[in-house]
Protein backbone atom coordinates (compact mmCIF):
# COMPACT_ATOMS: atom_id res chain seq x y z
CA MET A 1 165.59 55.34 166.70
CA PRO A 2 164.33 58.87 166.08
CA ALA A 3 160.83 59.40 164.82
CA ARG A 4 162.34 61.26 161.86
CA ALA A 5 165.47 60.73 159.73
CA SER A 6 167.68 63.53 159.08
CA CYS A 7 168.37 64.28 155.34
CA GLN A 8 170.83 62.67 153.63
CA ARG A 9 173.86 64.82 152.29
CA ALA A 10 172.63 64.35 148.69
CA MET A 11 173.79 67.65 147.49
CA LYS A 12 175.18 70.59 148.67
CA LEU A 13 173.80 73.85 147.44
CA GLN A 14 176.93 76.56 147.00
CA VAL A 15 176.35 80.13 145.86
CA SER A 16 178.92 79.61 143.09
CA THR A 17 176.26 76.95 141.65
CA VAL A 18 173.75 79.31 142.30
CA LEU A 19 174.82 81.80 139.73
CA LEU A 20 176.20 79.79 137.46
CA GLN A 21 172.95 77.85 137.12
CA TRP A 22 171.16 80.99 136.68
CA ALA A 23 173.55 82.51 133.95
CA VAL A 24 173.47 79.34 131.76
CA GLY A 25 169.61 79.54 132.14
CA GLY A 26 169.01 83.03 131.39
CA LEU A 27 171.53 82.89 128.31
CA LEU A 28 169.99 80.19 126.78
CA PHE A 29 166.60 81.60 126.98
CA LEU A 30 168.12 84.88 125.76
CA TRP A 31 168.73 82.70 122.36
CA VAL A 32 164.97 81.70 122.43
CA THR A 33 164.05 85.15 122.06
CA THR A 34 167.01 86.59 119.84
CA ARG A 35 166.14 83.83 117.49
CA ARG A 36 162.71 85.50 116.70
CA ARG A 37 164.30 88.53 115.52
CA GLU A 38 161.78 90.62 116.84
CA VAL A 39 162.90 92.36 120.24
CA GLY A 40 165.12 95.40 120.45
CA ILE A 41 168.86 95.18 120.34
CA GLY A 42 169.23 96.56 124.09
CA TYR A 43 167.26 93.98 125.48
CA GLY A 44 170.49 91.45 124.37
CA TRP A 45 173.02 93.59 125.64
CA THR A 46 170.86 93.84 129.06
CA VAL A 47 170.54 90.45 129.47
CA ARG A 48 173.96 89.60 128.39
CA VAL A 49 175.65 91.80 130.69
CA THR A 50 173.53 90.75 133.51
CA TYR A 51 174.26 87.09 133.23
CA LEU A 52 178.29 87.81 132.48
CA VAL A 53 178.35 89.44 135.77
CA MET A 54 176.71 86.23 137.14
CA ALA A 55 178.77 84.02 135.64
CA LEU A 56 182.18 85.78 136.87
CA GLY A 57 180.78 86.20 140.16
CA GLY A 58 180.19 82.36 140.39
CA ALA A 59 183.68 81.83 139.16
CA GLY A 60 185.29 83.96 141.70
CA LEU A 61 183.11 82.86 144.82
CA GLY A 62 183.50 79.41 143.84
CA ARG A 63 187.46 80.06 143.78
CA TRP A 64 187.36 81.93 147.00
CA LEU A 65 184.73 80.51 148.86
CA GLU A 66 184.73 76.91 147.70
CA PRO A 67 188.19 75.70 146.64
CA GLY A 68 188.26 71.77 146.23
CA GLY A 69 188.70 69.36 143.90
CA ALA A 70 189.11 68.81 139.95
CA ALA A 71 185.07 68.81 139.82
CA THR A 72 185.37 72.65 141.29
CA LEU A 73 188.08 73.86 139.48
CA LEU A 74 185.83 72.44 136.35
CA ARG A 75 182.87 74.02 137.42
CA ASP A 76 184.73 77.43 137.93
CA LEU A 77 186.71 77.30 134.76
CA GLY A 78 183.03 76.88 132.99
CA ALA A 79 181.55 79.24 134.72
CA ALA A 80 184.43 81.75 133.45
CA GLY A 81 183.80 79.96 129.90
CA VAL A 82 180.28 81.09 130.05
CA ALA A 83 181.32 84.87 131.08
CA ALA A 84 183.64 84.83 127.82
CA GLY A 85 180.54 83.03 125.87
CA ALA A 86 178.59 85.75 127.04
CA GLY A 87 181.16 88.34 126.57
CA TRP A 88 182.07 87.56 122.80
CA ALA A 89 178.22 87.44 122.08
CA LEU A 90 177.87 90.87 123.54
CA TRP A 91 180.94 92.61 121.64
CA LEU A 92 179.41 90.89 118.39
CA SER A 93 175.93 92.47 118.96
CA PHE A 94 177.55 95.85 119.65
CA ALA A 95 179.80 95.93 116.38
CA ARG A 96 177.04 95.48 114.28
CA ARG A 97 174.30 97.45 116.12
CA ARG A 98 173.67 99.55 113.39
CA ALA A 99 172.08 96.65 111.45
CA GLY A 100 169.56 96.18 114.17
CA VAL A 101 166.99 93.65 114.24
CA GLU A 102 164.82 92.55 111.55
CA GLY A 103 161.36 92.86 113.03
CA GLU A 104 162.03 96.18 114.57
CA ARG A 105 163.56 97.45 111.83
CA THR A 106 160.83 96.53 109.45
CA LEU A 107 158.24 97.57 111.83
CA ARG A 108 159.89 101.26 112.47
CA ARG A 109 160.60 101.70 108.69
CA ALA A 110 157.23 101.10 107.96
CA ARG A 111 155.68 103.76 110.29
CA ALA A 112 158.24 105.91 109.14
CA ALA A 113 156.93 105.72 105.60
CA ARG A 114 153.21 106.47 107.13
CA VAL A 115 154.14 109.69 108.85
CA ALA A 116 156.09 110.80 105.61
CA ALA A 117 153.15 110.22 103.50
CA MET A 118 150.97 111.85 105.66
CA THR A 119 153.25 114.47 106.63
CA GLY A 120 155.69 114.66 103.96
CA LEU A 121 158.47 114.73 106.60
CA SER A 122 161.26 112.18 106.57
CA ARG A 123 163.39 111.22 109.58
CA PRO A 124 166.65 109.78 108.85
CA ASP A 125 167.10 106.02 108.49
CA ARG A 126 168.97 104.64 111.91
CA TYR A 127 169.52 101.50 110.30
CA ASP A 128 172.95 100.48 107.91
CA ASP A 129 171.94 97.67 105.60
CA THR A 130 175.68 97.67 104.56
CA VAL A 131 176.26 96.07 108.16
CA ALA A 132 175.70 92.61 108.60
CA GLU A 133 172.73 91.65 111.53
CA PHE A 134 173.65 89.79 114.55
CA ASN A 135 173.58 86.57 114.44
CA PRO A 136 171.18 84.92 117.44
CA SER A 137 173.33 81.39 117.06
CA ALA A 138 176.14 83.28 119.17
CA ASP A 139 173.98 83.20 122.11
CA LEU A 140 174.19 79.31 121.98
CA ILE A 141 177.90 79.38 122.82
CA ALA A 142 177.92 80.05 126.64
CA PRO A 143 175.08 77.99 127.25
CA ALA A 144 176.94 74.86 125.61
CA VAL A 145 179.80 75.65 127.84
CA GLY A 146 177.61 75.84 130.95
CA VAL A 147 176.04 72.82 130.37
CA VAL A 148 179.69 71.30 130.76
CA ALA A 149 180.02 73.28 133.57
CA LEU A 150 176.95 72.10 135.41
CA ALA A 151 178.30 68.46 135.16
CA ALA A 152 181.13 69.15 137.33
CA ALA A 153 179.02 71.21 139.54
CA ALA A 154 176.84 68.08 140.09
CA VAL A 155 180.14 66.26 140.49
CA ALA A 156 180.92 68.62 143.20
CA GLY A 157 178.01 68.81 144.67
CA GLY A 158 177.77 64.96 145.94
CA GLY A 159 174.95 62.78 145.88
CA PRO A 160 173.87 60.53 142.51
CA PHE A 161 175.11 62.13 139.36
CA LEU A 162 172.24 61.62 137.19
CA LEU A 163 169.79 63.10 139.67
CA GLY A 164 171.83 66.25 140.79
CA PHE A 165 172.56 66.98 137.09
CA ALA A 166 169.03 66.63 136.02
CA ARG A 167 168.05 68.89 138.59
CA LEU A 168 170.84 71.84 137.87
CA VAL A 169 169.90 71.56 134.51
CA CYS A 170 165.99 72.19 134.60
CA GLY A 171 166.66 74.30 137.60
CA ALA A 172 168.70 76.37 135.31
CA ALA A 173 166.33 76.41 132.53
CA PHE A 174 163.51 77.10 135.01
CA LEU A 175 164.79 80.08 136.63
CA GLY A 176 166.38 81.35 133.41
CA ALA A 177 163.13 81.52 131.83
CA VAL A 178 161.41 83.40 134.52
CA THR A 179 163.96 86.26 134.89
CA ASP A 180 164.26 86.74 131.33
CA ALA A 181 160.59 86.96 130.88
CA MET A 182 160.69 89.64 133.80
CA LEU A 183 163.50 91.54 131.90
CA LEU A 184 161.55 91.11 128.52
CA GLY A 185 158.42 92.60 130.13
CA HIS A 186 160.62 96.07 130.26
CA SER A 187 161.22 96.36 126.62
CA TYR A 188 157.94 96.96 125.71
CA LEU A 189 158.20 100.45 127.09
CA THR A 190 161.05 101.16 124.79
CA GLN A 191 159.82 99.27 122.06
CA PRO A 192 156.14 100.55 121.26
CA GLY A 193 154.26 97.90 118.94
CA LEU A 194 156.60 94.89 120.11
CA SER A 195 154.15 91.49 119.62
CA ARG A 196 153.39 89.69 123.06
CA GLU A 197 154.42 86.75 121.54
CA PRO A 198 158.15 86.95 122.66
CA LEU A 199 156.97 87.18 125.93
CA LYS A 200 154.02 84.78 125.85
CA GLN A 201 156.51 82.09 124.69
CA LEU A 202 158.73 82.37 127.98
CA VAL A 203 155.84 82.26 129.95
CA ARG A 204 154.65 79.06 128.27
CA ILE A 205 157.94 77.76 128.58
CA ASN A 206 157.97 77.95 132.22
CA ALA A 207 154.77 76.74 132.87
CA TRP A 208 155.88 73.12 130.66
CA ILE A 209 159.26 73.30 132.97
CA TRP A 210 157.37 73.74 135.94
CA PRO A 211 156.42 70.09 136.33
CA LEU A 212 159.37 68.55 135.75
CA GLU A 213 161.12 71.05 138.18
CA THR A 214 158.46 69.52 140.76
CA LEU A 215 159.02 65.80 139.79
CA LEU A 216 162.83 66.24 139.89
CA LEU A 217 162.59 67.59 143.65
CA CYS A 218 160.10 65.06 144.71
CA LEU A 219 162.01 61.99 143.42
CA PRO A 220 163.63 60.16 146.71
CA ARG A 221 164.82 61.41 148.43
CA GLY A 222 162.96 64.43 147.88
CA MET A 223 160.44 66.93 148.97
CA VAL A 224 158.01 64.83 149.51
CA GLN A 225 159.58 63.00 152.54
CA VAL A 226 160.58 66.20 153.83
CA VAL A 227 156.72 67.70 153.60
CA SER A 228 155.54 64.22 155.16
CA GLY A 229 158.19 64.71 157.82
CA SER A 230 160.47 61.75 157.00
CA ILE A 231 163.28 63.98 156.49
CA ASP A 232 164.15 66.36 158.92
CA ASP A 233 164.39 69.97 157.59
CA GLY A 234 166.13 71.49 160.44
CA ALA A 235 163.23 73.90 161.27
CA ASN A 236 160.59 71.55 162.35
CA GLY A 237 159.04 71.22 159.21
CA LEU A 238 158.44 75.14 158.17
CA LEU A 239 161.22 74.41 155.17
CA GLY A 240 159.23 71.97 153.52
CA TRP A 241 155.70 74.10 153.85
CA ILE A 242 157.49 77.39 152.30
CA TRP A 243 158.87 74.89 149.58
CA LEU A 244 155.10 73.69 149.00
CA LEU A 245 153.79 77.04 149.29
CA SER A 246 156.48 78.54 146.82
CA THR A 247 155.70 75.75 144.16
CA ILE A 248 151.71 76.12 143.99
CA SER A 249 152.45 79.80 143.82
CA THR A 250 154.90 79.87 140.86
CA ILE A 251 152.40 77.97 138.53
CA VAL A 252 149.48 79.93 139.98
CA LEU A 253 151.36 83.30 138.70
CA LEU A 254 151.99 81.83 135.33
CA PHE A 255 148.85 81.09 134.95
CA VAL A 256 147.57 84.47 135.72
CA VAL A 257 150.65 86.09 133.91
CA GLU A 258 149.23 84.11 130.86
CA ALA A 259 145.72 85.32 131.70
CA ALA A 260 146.92 89.03 131.75
CA LEU A 261 148.75 89.21 128.38
CA ARG A 262 145.28 88.05 126.69
CA GLU A 263 143.94 91.54 127.59
CA ARG A 264 144.53 93.94 124.77
CA TRP A 265 144.97 96.91 127.08
CA TYR A 266 149.08 98.06 127.09
CA SER A 267 148.99 98.05 131.20
CA ALA A 268 148.58 94.36 131.12
CA VAL A 269 152.04 93.94 129.73
CA MET A 270 152.92 96.19 133.10
CA ALA A 271 151.21 94.31 135.20
CA ALA A 272 152.57 90.75 133.88
CA THR A 273 155.92 92.15 134.39
CA GLY A 274 154.94 93.11 138.07
CA LEU A 275 153.60 89.65 138.44
CA LEU A 276 156.74 88.00 137.14
CA TYR A 277 159.30 89.77 139.92
CA LEU A 278 156.84 87.38 142.13
CA ALA A 279 157.02 84.38 140.03
CA ILE A 280 161.02 85.11 140.22
CA LEU A 281 161.07 85.08 144.30
CA THR A 282 158.60 81.83 144.20
CA ALA A 283 160.37 80.01 141.63
CA PHE A 284 163.50 80.85 143.53
CA GLY A 285 161.83 79.31 146.33
CA GLN A 286 161.12 76.32 144.79
CA ASP A 287 164.45 75.24 143.25
CA LEU A 288 166.87 76.57 145.99
CA VAL A 289 164.99 75.92 148.96
CA ALA A 290 164.09 72.11 147.80
CA ARG A 291 167.88 71.90 147.13
CA ALA A 292 168.90 73.69 150.38
CA VAL A 293 167.32 71.42 152.27
CA LEU A 294 168.30 68.27 150.51
CA GLY A 295 171.97 69.01 150.69
CA ARG A 296 171.71 69.57 154.83
């Protein structure tokens, strides 16, 4: 009898599923931000285009590299549906761009009024009140389709369905929130005066998701057995320790980002954004290393 059991093929890590998962989570948390009506419309364009390309990539790679049965076909059709939903929201947002966003519009007009009162000079209003503002609920179409696609991906990946589906959905939220937070951090360069609350919200949500993500990855057969050595990771235990380091580093980085955002200096936002780049790497290490090991 070998000292360590080899890991059962509980789940297969597939590139198409990773791209789908990432896109679904990112588009969901785009809605979390856009519903606040504070961040400029350009942020939404950036995020939608980014995840639209990912979803299309997932669908294409799924058909090219991982053709299989009905479950994989449904997963890839779902990924195409996610891209279509993101594309619809992107088009609608662009068509209504002259309306701007309520929070940004109010702030810019107030500043323009103060400047005009002090200098007597007025600037043309860039907004058109006759155009209906983009409805953030349009950003929910793509994630709704994506949940169905993730269910198909859980079936295609093999192993216990409920655990596999829960890991995919939680991982989607985990990766999406941290990536959107990093992308949102750059909006503070182009939108002076933007409240830090949208960014703080994403960071806090990620910190709340972290315990659930960790728990799901530790449930048998999970990373507890990998770190303890009862499941062979194929690398003499190295991958288990990389996962553990990534897991601890992620929550530490999120707490540091939260602390940085409490500082009043503008540079604190840029420092937080830089730290979020690192948090993306460690979050990927936490989610993807675990699922790769458990899917050996």
